[in-house]
Amino acid sequence: MALQPFHPPLGVLPEFCQPQPVTLKMKEKGLMGGSLTGDDFSITDVNGREVCKCKGKVLSISSRKIFTDSAGRELFHLKNKLLAINKSFIGEAPDGTDLFTVG
């Protein structure tokens, strides 16, 4: 089942914005792939080109995840918003500045 495109388009960093819809695939590394948390995964396009990686932090209260580009440069951090009625997340720049909220 394909997800419907989000309008208006959502983009955190301009270099990752595309003029047309792009289908992405997420592949979880899991415990056998060397992930202690099970929260490590990579995101690729349908041609297998890596777009970004996610590394979950071990023993993080906020379930912080660090997203990097394919060269390993930090793009943003995603963490659980702890005092929220509904499940929500905060996206932060590497310097701690809030970029976006999901939820």
PDB file of N, CA and C in Angstrom:
ATOM      1  N   MET A   1       0.845  -1.169   0.000  1.00  0.00           N
ATOM      2  CA  MET A   1       0.000   0.000   0.000  1.00  0.00           C
ATOM      3  C   MET A   1       0.898   1.242   0.000  1.00  0.00           C
ATOM      4  N   ALA A   2       0.673   2.132  -0.934  1.00  0.00           N
ATOM      5  CA  ALA A   2       1.462   3.349  -1.046  1.00  0.00           C
ATOM      6  C   ALA A   2       0.830   4.467  -0.221  1.00  0.00           C
ATOM      7  N   LEU A   3       1.664   5.266   0.418  1.00  0.00           N
ATOM      8  CA  LEU A   3       1.182   6.425   1.161  1.00  0.00           C
ATOM      9  C   LEU A   3       0.892   7.559   0.193  1.00  0.00           C
ATOM     10  N   GLN A   4      -0.111   8.347   0.503  1.00  0.00           N
ATOM     11  CA  GLN A   4      -0.426   9.506  -0.314  1.00  0.00           C
ATOM     12  C   GLN A   4       0.601  10.609  -0.053  1.00  0.00           C
ATOM     13  N   PRO A   5       0.981  11.388  -1.092  1.00  0.00           N
ATOM     14  CA  PRO A   5       1.926  12.502  -0.887  1.00  0.00           C
ATOM     15  C   PRO A   5       1.364  13.509   0.114  1.00  0.00           C
ATOM     16  N   PHE A   6       2.254  14.089   0.902  1.00  0.00           N
ATOM     17  CA  PHE A   6       1.876  15.079   1.907  1.00  0.00           C
ATOM     18  C   PHE A   6       1.860  16.448   1.252  1.00  0.00           C
ATOM     19  N   HIS A   7       0.767  17.190   1.435  1.00  0.00           N
ATOM     20  CA  HIS A   7       0.667  18.545   0.876  1.00  0.00           C
ATOM     21  C   HIS A   7       0.428  19.519   2.007  1.00  0.00           C
ATOM     22  N   PRO A   8       1.203  20.581   2.157  1.00  0.00           N
ATOM     23  CA  PRO A   8       2.347  20.911   1.301  1.00  0.00           C
ATOM     24  C   PRO A   8       3.507  19.974   1.599  1.00  0.00           C
ATOM     25  N   PRO A   9       4.439  19.848   0.627  1.00  0.00           N
ATOM     26  CA  PRO A   9       5.598  18.959   0.843  1.00  0.00           C
ATOM     27  C   PRO A   9       6.357  19.356   2.096  1.00  0.00           C
ATOM     28  N   LEU A  10       6.896  18.362   2.799  1.00  0.00           N
ATOM     29  CA  LEU A  10       7.628  18.576   4.046  1.00  0.00           C
ATOM     30  C   LEU A  10       9.103  18.338   3.784  1.00  0.00           C
ATOM     31  N   GLY A  11       9.942  19.284   4.110  1.00  0.00           N
ATOM     32  CA  GLY A  11      11.375  19.114   3.945  1.00  0.00           C
ATOM     33  C   GLY A  11      12.116  19.809   5.065  1.00  0.00           C
ATOM     34  N   VAL A  12      13.028  19.110   5.707  1.00  0.00           N
ATOM     35  CA  VAL A  12      13.790  19.687   6.815  1.00  0.00           C
ATOM     36  C   VAL A  12      14.986  20.456   6.283  1.00  0.00           C
ATOM     37  N   LEU A  13      15.701  19.876   5.333  1.00  0.00           N
ATOM     38  CA  LEU A  13      16.899  20.487   4.773  1.00  0.00           C
ATOM     39  C   LEU A  13      16.742  20.623   3.260  1.00  0.00           C
ATOM     40  N   PRO A  14      17.037  21.788   2.705  1.00  0.00           N
ATOM     41  CA  PRO A  14      16.810  22.034   1.278  1.00  0.00           C
ATOM     42  C   PRO A  14      17.489  21.028   0.351  1.00  0.00           C
ATOM     43  N   GLU A  15      18.668  20.526   0.710  1.00  0.00           N
ATOM     44  CA  GLU A  15      19.370  19.595  -0.177  1.00  0.00           C
ATOM     45  C   GLU A  15      18.669  18.248  -0.306  1.00  0.00           C
ATOM     46  N   PHE A  16      17.691  17.974   0.561  1.00  0.00           N
ATOM     47  CA  PHE A  16      16.943  16.724   0.484  1.00  0.00           C
ATOM     48  C   PHE A  16      15.562  16.905  -0.143  1.00  0.00           C
ATOM     49  N   CYS A  17      15.224  18.126  -0.563  1.00  0.00           N
ATOM     50  CA  CYS A  17      13.935  18.388  -1.206  1.00  0.00           C
ATOM     51  C   CYS A  17      14.030  18.052  -2.690  1.00  0.00           C
ATOM     52  N   GLN A  18      12.982  17.448  -3.218  1.00  0.00           N
ATOM     53  CA  GLN A  18      12.919  17.050  -4.622  1.00  0.00           C
ATOM     54  C   GLN A  18      11.687  17.677  -5.264  1.00  0.00           C
ATOM     55  N   PRO A  19      11.754  18.007  -6.562  1.00  0.00           N
ATOM     56  CA  PRO A  19      10.592  18.616  -7.223  1.00  0.00           C
ATOM     57  C   PRO A  19       9.461  17.617  -7.495  1.00  0.00           C
ATOM     58  N   GLN A  20       9.739  16.327  -7.362  1.00  0.00           N
ATOM     59  CA  GLN A  20       8.728  15.302  -7.603  1.00  0.00           C
ATOM     60  C   GLN A  20       8.732  14.319  -6.436  1.00  0.00           C
ATOM     61  N   PRO A  21       7.631  13.561  -6.275  1.00  0.00           N
ATOM     62  CA  PRO A  21       7.604  12.558  -5.196  1.00  0.00           C
ATOM     63  C   PRO A  21       8.706  11.517  -5.377  1.00  0.00           C
ATOM     64  N   VAL A  22       9.300  11.077  -4.262  1.00  0.00           N
ATOM     65  CA  VAL A  22      10.350  10.064  -4.273  1.00  0.00           C
ATOM     66  C   VAL A  22       9.937   8.967  -3.296  1.00  0.00           C
ATOM     67  N   THR A  23       9.961   7.725  -3.760  1.00  0.00           N
ATOM     68  CA  THR A  23       9.645   6.599  -2.893  1.00  0.00           C
ATOM     69  C   THR A  23      10.900   6.205  -2.129  1.00  0.00           C
ATOM     70  N   LEU A  24      10.776   6.108  -0.810  1.00  0.00           N
ATOM     71  CA  LEU A  24      11.900   5.745   0.043  1.00  0.00           C
ATOM     72  C   LEU A  24      11.623   4.411   0.719  1.00  0.00           C
ATOM     73  N   LYS A  25      12.685   3.677   1.006  1.00  0.00           N
ATOM     74  CA  LYS A  25      12.581   2.401   1.714  1.00  0.00           C
ATOM     75  C   LYS A  25      13.398   2.489   2.993  1.00  0.00           C
ATOM     76  N   MET A  26      12.868   1.924   4.064  1.00  0.00           N
ATOM     77  CA  MET A  26      13.570   1.901   5.338  1.00  0.00           C
ATOM     78  C   MET A  26      13.957   0.458   5.630  1.00  0.00           C
ATOM     79  N   LYS A  27      15.237   0.250   5.940  1.00  0.00           N
ATOM     80  CA  LYS A  27      15.712  -1.086   6.272  1.00  0.00           C
ATOM     81  C   LYS A  27      16.299  -1.065   7.673  1.00  0.00           C
ATOM     82  N   GLU A  28      15.638  -1.789   8.584  1.00  0.00           N
ATOM     83  CA  GLU A  28      16.097  -1.853   9.972  1.00  0.00           C
ATOM     84  C   GLU A  28      17.253  -2.836  10.078  1.00  0.00           C
ATOM     85  N   LYS A  29      18.280  -2.452  10.828  1.00  0.00           N
ATOM     86  CA  LYS A  29      19.432  -3.330  11.007  1.00  0.00           C
ATOM     87  C   LYS A  29      19.123  -4.460  11.971  1.00  0.00           C
ATOM     88  N   GLY A  30      18.346  -4.208  13.001  1.00  0.00           N
ATOM     89  CA  GLY A  30      17.982  -5.249  13.954  1.00  0.00           C
ATOM     90  C   GLY A  30      19.159  -5.698  14.800  1.00  0.00           C
ATOM     91  N   LEU A  31      18.907  -6.601  15.716  1.00  0.00           N
ATOM     92  CA  LEU A  31      19.940  -7.060  16.650  1.00  0.00           C
ATOM     93  C   LEU A  31      21.049  -7.834  15.952  1.00  0.00           C
ATOM     94  N   MET A  32      20.717  -8.597  14.916  1.00  0.00           N
ATOM     95  CA  MET A  32      21.744  -9.377  14.217  1.00  0.00           C
ATOM     96  C   MET A  32      22.621  -8.503  13.325  1.00  0.00           C
ATOM     97  N   GLY A  33      22.160  -7.294  12.994  1.00  0.00           N
ATOM     98  CA  GLY A  33      22.937  -6.389  12.152  1.00  0.00           C
ATOM     99  C   GLY A  33      23.852  -5.480  12.935  1.00  0.00           C
ATOM    100  N   GLY A  34      23.987  -5.724  14.229  1.00  0.00           N
ATOM    101  CA  GLY A  34      24.909  -4.936  15.042  1.00  0.00           C
ATOM    102  C   GLY A  34      24.242  -3.819  15.820  1.00  0.00           C
ATOM    103  N   SER A  35      22.920  -3.749  15.831  1.00  0.00           N
ATOM    104  CA  SER A  35      22.217  -2.709  16.560  1.00  0.00           C
ATOM    105  C   SER A  35      21.855  -3.212  17.946  1.00  0.00           C
ATOM    106  N   LEU A  36      22.345  -2.552  18.979  1.00  0.00           N
ATOM    107  CA  LEU A  36      22.015  -2.941  20.352  1.00  0.00           C
ATOM    108  C   LEU A  36      20.585  -2.547  20.704  1.00  0.00           C
ATOM    109  N   THR A  37      20.081  -1.465  20.098  1.00  0.00           N
ATOM    110  CA  THR A  37      18.753  -0.975  20.447  1.00  0.00           C
ATOM    111  C   THR A  37      17.680  -1.489  19.511  1.00  0.00           C
ATOM    112  N   GLY A  38      18.047  -1.937  18.322  1.00  0.00           N
ATOM    113  CA  GLY A  38      17.051  -2.291  17.321  1.00  0.00           C
ATOM    114  C   GLY A  38      16.497  -1.062  16.635  1.00  0.00           C
ATOM    115  N   ASP A  39      17.014   0.131  16.966  1.00  0.00           N
ATOM    116  CA  ASP A  39      16.537   1.388  16.386  1.00  0.00           C
ATOM    117  C   ASP A  39      17.445   1.914  15.286  1.00  0.00           C
ATOM    118  N   ASP A  40      18.394   1.138  14.820  1.00  0.00           N
ATOM    119  CA  ASP A  40      19.287   1.577  13.759  1.00  0.00           C
ATOM    120  C   ASP A  40      18.707   1.146  12.416  1.00  0.00           C
ATOM    121  N   PHE A  41      18.663   2.074  11.474  1.00  0.00           N
ATOM    122  CA  PHE A  41      18.161   1.735  10.146  1.00  0.00           C
ATOM    123  C   PHE A  41      18.738   2.690   9.115  1.00  0.00           C
ATOM    124  N   SER A  42      18.611   2.307   7.846  1.00  0.00           N
ATOM    125  CA  SER A  42      19.021   3.174   6.753  1.00  0.00           C
ATOM    126  C   SER A  42      17.818   3.435   5.866  1.00  0.00           C
ATOM    127  N   ILE A  43      17.827   4.570   5.191  1.00  0.00           N
ATOM    128  CA  ILE A  43      16.758   4.953   4.281  1.00  0.00           C
ATOM    129  C   ILE A  43      17.376   5.105   2.901  1.00  0.00           C
ATOM    130  N   THR A  44      16.826   4.378   1.927  1.00  0.00           N
ATOM    131  CA  THR A  44      17.323   4.412   0.552  1.00  0.00           C
ATOM    132  C   THR A  44      16.184   4.775  -0.388  1.00  0.00           C
ATOM    133  N   ASP A  45      16.553   5.209  -1.605  1.00  0.00           N
ATOM    134  CA  ASP A  45      15.533   5.379  -2.631  1.00  0.00           C
ATOM    135  C   ASP A  45      15.299   4.020  -3.286  1.00  0.00           C
ATOM    136  N   VAL A  46      14.378   3.950  -4.234  1.00  0.00           N
ATOM    137  CA  VAL A  46      14.039   2.655  -4.834  1.00  0.00           C
ATOM    138  C   VAL A  46      15.179   2.074  -5.661  1.00  0.00           C
ATOM    139  N   ASN A  47      16.170   2.898  -6.003  1.00  0.00           N
ATOM    140  CA  ASN A  47      17.343   2.414  -6.744  1.00  0.00           C
ATOM    141  C   ASN A  47      18.449   1.925  -5.819  1.00  0.00           C
ATOM    142  N   GLY A  48      18.204   1.973  -4.493  1.00  0.00           N
ATOM    143  CA  GLY A  48      19.186   1.502  -3.529  1.00  0.00           C
ATOM    144  C   GLY A  48      20.195   2.553  -3.094  1.00  0.00           C
ATOM    145  N   ARG A  49      20.049   3.801  -3.582  1.00  0.00           N
ATOM    146  CA  ARG A  49      20.971   4.878  -3.181  1.00  0.00           C
ATOM    147  C   ARG A  49      20.613   5.327  -1.774  1.00  0.00           C
ATOM    148  N   GLU A  50      21.603   5.283  -0.864  1.00  0.00           N
ATOM    149  CA  GLU A  50      21.357   5.665   0.527  1.00  0.00           C
ATOM    150  C   GLU A  50      21.093   7.159   0.633  1.00  0.00           C
ATOM    151  N   VAL A  51      19.994   7.502   1.286  1.00  0.00           N
ATOM    152  CA  VAL A  51      19.621   8.893   1.500  1.00  0.00           C
ATOM    153  C   VAL A  51      20.113   9.351   2.863  1.00  0.00           C
ATOM    154  N   CYS A  52      19.860   8.536   3.900  1.00  0.00           N
ATOM    155  CA  CYS A  52      20.339   8.858   5.242  1.00  0.00           C
ATOM    156  C   CYS A  52      20.323   7.606   6.105  1.00  0.00           C
ATOM    157  N   LYS A  53      20.925   7.735   7.286  1.00  0.00           N
ATOM    158  CA  LYS A  53      20.977   6.648   8.269  1.00  0.00           C
ATOM    159  C   LYS A  53      20.416   7.161   9.582  1.00  0.00           C
ATOM    160  N   CYS A  54      19.952   6.241  10.402  1.00  0.00           N
ATOM    161  CA  CYS A  54      19.470   6.581  11.728  1.00  0.00           C
ATOM    162  C   CYS A  54      20.139   5.654  12.729  1.00  0.00           C
ATOM    163  N   LYS A  55      20.632   6.246  13.808  1.00  0.00           N
ATOM    164  CA  LYS A  55      21.258   5.460  14.876  1.00  0.00           C
ATOM    165  C   LYS A  55      20.541   5.785  16.172  1.00  0.00           C
ATOM    166  N   GLY A  56      19.962   4.764  16.794  1.00  0.00           N
ATOM    167  CA  GLY A  56      19.290   4.949  18.083  1.00  0.00           C
ATOM    168  C   GLY A  56      20.308   4.982  19.206  1.00  0.00           C
ATOM    169  N   LYS A  57      20.086   5.842  20.179  1.00  0.00           N
ATOM    170  CA  LYS A  57      20.983   5.936  21.328  1.00  0.00           C
ATOM    171  C   LYS A  57      20.601   4.882  22.360  1.00  0.00           C
ATOM    172  N   VAL A  58      21.590   4.140  22.847  1.00  0.00           N
ATOM    173  CA  VAL A  58      21.366   3.120  23.863  1.00  0.00           C
ATOM    174  C   VAL A  58      21.064   3.803  25.201  1.00  0.00           C
ATOM    175  N   LEU A  59      20.061   3.310  25.920  1.00  0.00           N
ATOM    176  CA  LEU A  59      19.674   3.800  27.250  1.00  0.00           C
ATOM    177  C   LEU A  59      19.286   5.279  27.262  1.00  0.00           C
ATOM    178  N   SER A  60      18.594   5.727  26.227  1.00  0.00           N
ATOM    179  CA  SER A  60      18.134   7.107  26.167  1.00  0.00           C
ATOM    180  C   SER A  60      16.700   7.189  26.670  1.00  0.00           C
ATOM    181  N   ILE A  61      16.435   8.034  27.658  1.00  0.00           N
ATOM    182  CA  ILE A  61      15.085   8.208  28.200  1.00  0.00           C
ATOM    183  C   ILE A  61      14.144   8.730  27.123  1.00  0.00           C
ATOM    184  N   SER A  62      14.639   9.631  26.277  1.00  0.00           N
ATOM    185  CA  SER A  62      13.790  10.239  25.251  1.00  0.00           C
ATOM    186  C   SER A  62      13.821   9.460  23.936  1.00  0.00           C
ATOM    187  N   SER A  63      14.442   8.284  23.933  1.00  0.00           N
ATOM    188  CA  SER A  63      14.561   7.467  22.707  1.00  0.00           C
ATOM    189  C   SER A  63      15.166   8.269  21.561  1.00  0.00           C
ATOM    190  N   ARG A  64      16.217   9.010  21.845  1.00  0.00           N
ATOM    191  CA  ARG A  64      16.863   9.873  20.849  1.00  0.00           C
ATOM    192  C   ARG A  64      17.439   9.047  19.705  1.00  0.00           C
ATOM    193  N   LYS A  65      17.200   9.546  18.493  1.00  0.00           N
ATOM    194  CA  LYS A  65      17.760   8.946  17.295  1.00  0.00           C
ATOM    195  C   LYS A  65      18.532  10.028  16.551  1.00  0.00           C
ATOM    196  N   ILE A  66      19.685   9.665  16.021  1.00  0.00           N
ATOM    197  CA  ILE A  66      20.518  10.620  15.290  1.00  0.00           C
ATOM    198  C   ILE A  66      20.474  10.255  13.812  1.00  0.00           C
ATOM    199  N   PHE A  67      20.034  11.198  12.981  1.00  0.00           N
ATOM    200  CA  PHE A  67      19.989  11.007  11.535  1.00  0.00           C
ATOM    201  C   PHE A  67      21.219  11.647  10.912  1.00  0.00           C
ATOM    202  N   THR A  68      21.895  10.885  10.045  1.00  0.00           N
ATOM    203  CA  THR A  68      23.093  11.374   9.358  1.00  0.00           C
ATOM    204  C   THR A  68      22.923  11.192   7.855  1.00  0.00           C
ATOM    205  N   ASP A  69      23.677  11.966   7.086  1.00  0.00           N
ATOM    206  CA  ASP A  69      23.678  11.737   5.640  1.00  0.00           C
ATOM    207  C   ASP A  69      24.578  10.543   5.352  1.00  0.00           C
ATOM    208  N   SER A  70      24.710  10.186   4.086  1.00  0.00           N
ATOM    209  CA  SER A  70      25.483   8.988   3.738  1.00  0.00           C
ATOM    210  C   SER A  70      26.967   9.138   4.060  1.00  0.00           C
ATOM    211  N   ALA A  71      27.452  10.390   4.244  1.00  0.00           N
ATOM    212  CA  ALA A  71      28.851  10.622   4.606  1.00  0.00           C
ATOM    213  C   ALA A  71      29.064  10.637   6.120  1.00  0.00           C
ATOM    214  N   GLY A  72      27.979  10.478   6.894  1.00  0.00           N
ATOM    215  CA  GLY A  72      28.107  10.450   8.343  1.00  0.00           C
ATOM    216  C   GLY A  72      27.930  11.787   9.031  1.00  0.00           C
ATOM    217  N   ARG A  73      27.626  12.862   8.289  1.00  0.00           N
ATOM    218  CA  ARG A  73      27.403  14.178   8.893  1.00  0.00           C
ATOM    219  C   ARG A  73      26.013  14.219   9.528  1.00  0.00           C
ATOM    220  N   GLU A  74      25.929  14.707  10.761  1.00  0.00           N
ATOM    221  CA  GLU A  74      24.648  14.780  11.459  1.00  0.00           C
ATOM    222  C   GLU A  74      23.716  15.759  10.760  1.00  0.00           C
ATOM    223  N   LEU A  75      22.481  15.313  10.520  1.00  0.00           N
ATOM    224  CA  LEU A  75      21.454  16.154   9.914  1.00  0.00           C
ATOM    225  C   LEU A  75      20.526  16.709  10.981  1.00  0.00           C
ATOM    226  N   PHE A  76      19.973  15.813  11.802  1.00  0.00           N
ATOM    227  CA  PHE A  76      19.100  16.218  12.893  1.00  0.00           C
ATOM    228  C   PHE A  76      18.964  15.070  13.880  1.00  0.00           C
ATOM    229  N   HIS A  77      18.443  15.396  15.064  1.00  0.00           N
ATOM    230  CA  HIS A  77      18.149  14.412  16.105  1.00  0.00           C
ATOM    231  C   HIS A  77      16.635  14.349  16.239  1.00  0.00           C
ATOM    232  N   LEU A  78      16.106  13.170  16.490  1.00  0.00           N
ATOM    233  CA  LEU A  78      14.674  12.999  16.723  1.00  0.00           C
ATOM    234  C   LEU A  78      14.513  12.379  18.103  1.00  0.00           C
ATOM    235  N   LYS A  79      13.686  13.005  18.945  1.00  0.00           N
ATOM    236  CA  LYS A  79      13.495  12.471  20.294  1.00  0.00           C
ATOM    237  C   LYS A  79      12.022  12.521  20.661  1.00  0.00           C
ATOM    238  N   ASN A  80      11.621  11.631  21.579  1.00  0.00           N
ATOM    239  CA  ASN A  80      10.250  11.639  22.089  1.00  0.00           C
ATOM    240  C   ASN A  80      10.025  12.900  22.902  1.00  0.00           C
ATOM    241  N   LYS A  81       8.863  13.514  22.698  1.00  0.00           N
ATOM    242  CA  LYS A  81       8.465  14.627  23.540  1.00  0.00           C
ATOM    243  C   LYS A  81       7.887  13.998  24.801  1.00  0.00           C
ATOM    244  N   LEU A  82       8.556  14.168  25.925  1.00  0.00           N
ATOM    245  CA  LEU A  82       8.233  13.416  27.136  1.00  0.00           C
ATOM    246  C   LEU A  82       6.913  13.814  27.789  1.00  0.00           C
ATOM    247  N   LEU A  83       6.599  15.089  27.846  1.00  0.00           N
ATOM    248  CA  LEU A  83       5.384  15.536  28.530  1.00  0.00           C
ATOM    249  C   LEU A  83       4.303  15.901  27.519  1.00  0.00           C
ATOM    250  N   ALA A  84       3.886  14.921  26.731  1.00  0.00           N
ATOM    251  CA  ALA A  84       2.853  15.153  25.730  1.00  0.00           C
ATOM    252  C   ALA A  84       1.696  14.196  25.967  1.00  0.00           C
ATOM    253  N   ILE A  85       0.478  14.664  25.729  1.00  0.00           N
ATOM    254  CA  ILE A  85      -0.705  13.814  25.890  1.00  0.00           C
ATOM    255  C   ILE A  85      -0.700  12.716  24.827  1.00  0.00           C
ATOM    256  N   ASN A  86      -0.453  13.094  23.574  1.00  0.00           N
ATOM    257  CA  ASN A  86      -0.355  12.130  22.481  1.00  0.00           C
ATOM    258  C   ASN A  86       1.113  11.910  22.143  1.00  0.00           C
ATOM    259  N   LYS A  87       1.425  10.753  21.606  1.00  0.00           N
ATOM    260  CA  LYS A  87       2.808  10.449  21.207  1.00  0.00           C
ATOM    261  C   LYS A  87       3.269  11.498  20.197  1.00  0.00           C
ATOM    262  N   SER A  88       4.360  12.157  20.471  1.00  0.00           N
ATOM    263  CA  SER A  88       4.902  13.149  19.553  1.00  0.00           C
ATOM    264  C   SER A  88       6.416  13.184  19.674  1.00  0.00           C
ATOM    265  N   PHE A  89       7.039  13.749  18.658  1.00  0.00           N
ATOM    266  CA  PHE A  89       8.492  13.785  18.554  1.00  0.00           C
ATOM    267  C   PHE A  89       8.947  15.198  18.233  1.00  0.00           C
ATOM    268  N   ILE A  90      10.167  15.509  18.635  1.00  0.00           N
ATOM    269  CA  ILE A  90      10.788  16.797  18.325  1.00  0.00           C
ATOM    270  C   ILE A  90      12.026  16.529  17.480  1.00  0.00           C
ATOM    271  N   GLY A  91      12.141  17.259  16.380  1.00  0.00           N
ATOM    272  CA  GLY A  91      13.342  17.207  15.559  1.00  0.00           C
ATOM    273  C   GLY A  91      14.228  18.380  15.922  1.00  0.00           C
ATOM    274  N   GLU A  92      15.493  18.096  16.236  1.00  0.00           N
ATOM    275  CA  GLU A  92      16.440  19.139  16.637  1.00  0.00           C
ATOM    276  C   GLU A  92      17.630  19.158  15.700  1.00  0.00           C
ATOM    277  N   ALA A  93      18.156  20.349  15.440  1.00  0.00           N
ATOM    278  CA  ALA A  93      19.421  20.490  14.737  1.00  0.00           C
ATOM    279  C   ALA A  93      20.527  19.945  15.642  1.00  0.00           C
ATOM    280  N   PRO A  94      21.684  19.592  15.087  1.00  0.00           N
ATOM    281  CA  PRO A  94      22.782  19.086  15.929  1.00  0.00           C
ATOM    282  C   PRO A  94      23.167  20.028  17.066  1.00  0.00           C
ATOM    283  N   ASP A  95      22.895  21.361  16.917  1.00  0.00           N
ATOM    284  CA  ASP A  95      23.226  22.311  17.984  1.00  0.00           C
ATOM    285  C   ASP A  95      22.125  22.414  19.046  1.00  0.00           C
ATOM    286  N   GLY A  96      21.031  21.609  18.912  1.00  0.00           N
ATOM    287  CA  GLY A  96      19.954  21.613  19.887  1.00  0.00           C
ATOM    288  C   GLY A  96      18.785  22.506  19.557  1.00  0.00           C
ATOM    289  N   THR A  97      18.837  23.271  18.465  1.00  0.00           N
ATOM    290  CA  THR A  97      17.747  24.139  18.047  1.00  0.00           C
ATOM    291  C   THR A  97      16.589  23.292  17.522  1.00  0.00           C
ATOM    292  N   ASP A  98      15.361  23.594  17.986  1.00  0.00           N
ATOM    293  CA  ASP A  98      14.188  22.871  17.501  1.00  0.00           C
ATOM    294  C   ASP A  98      13.944  23.184  16.023  1.00  0.00           C
ATOM    295  N   LEU A  99      13.750  22.114  15.211  1.00  0.00           N
ATOM    296  CA  LEU A  99      13.476  22.272  13.790  1.00  0.00           C
ATOM    297  C   LEU A  99      12.013  22.009  13.459  1.00  0.00           C
ATOM    298  N   PHE A 100      11.449  20.938  14.076  1.00  0.00           N
ATOM    299  CA  PHE A 100      10.073  20.557  13.763  1.00  0.00           C
ATOM    300  C   PHE A 100       9.519  19.674  14.860  1.00  0.00           C
ATOM    301  N   THR A 101       8.203  19.522  14.860  1.00  0.00           N
ATOM    302  CA  THR A 101       7.506  18.633  15.781  1.00  0.00           C
ATOM    303  C   THR A 101       6.605  17.722  14.962  1.00  0.00           C
ATOM    304  N   VAL A 102       6.572  16.447  15.326  1.00  0.00           N
ATOM    305  CA  VAL A 102       5.695  15.469  14.677  1.00  0.00           C
ATOM    306  C   VAL A 102       4.777  14.922  15.749  1.00  0.00           C
ATOM    307  N   GLY A 103       3.482  14.917  15.444  1.00  0.00           N
ATOM    308  CA  GLY A 103       2.574  14.327  16.427  1.00  0.00           C
ATOM    309  C   GLY A 103       1.299  14.986  16.574  1.00  0.00           C
TER     310      GLY A 103
END
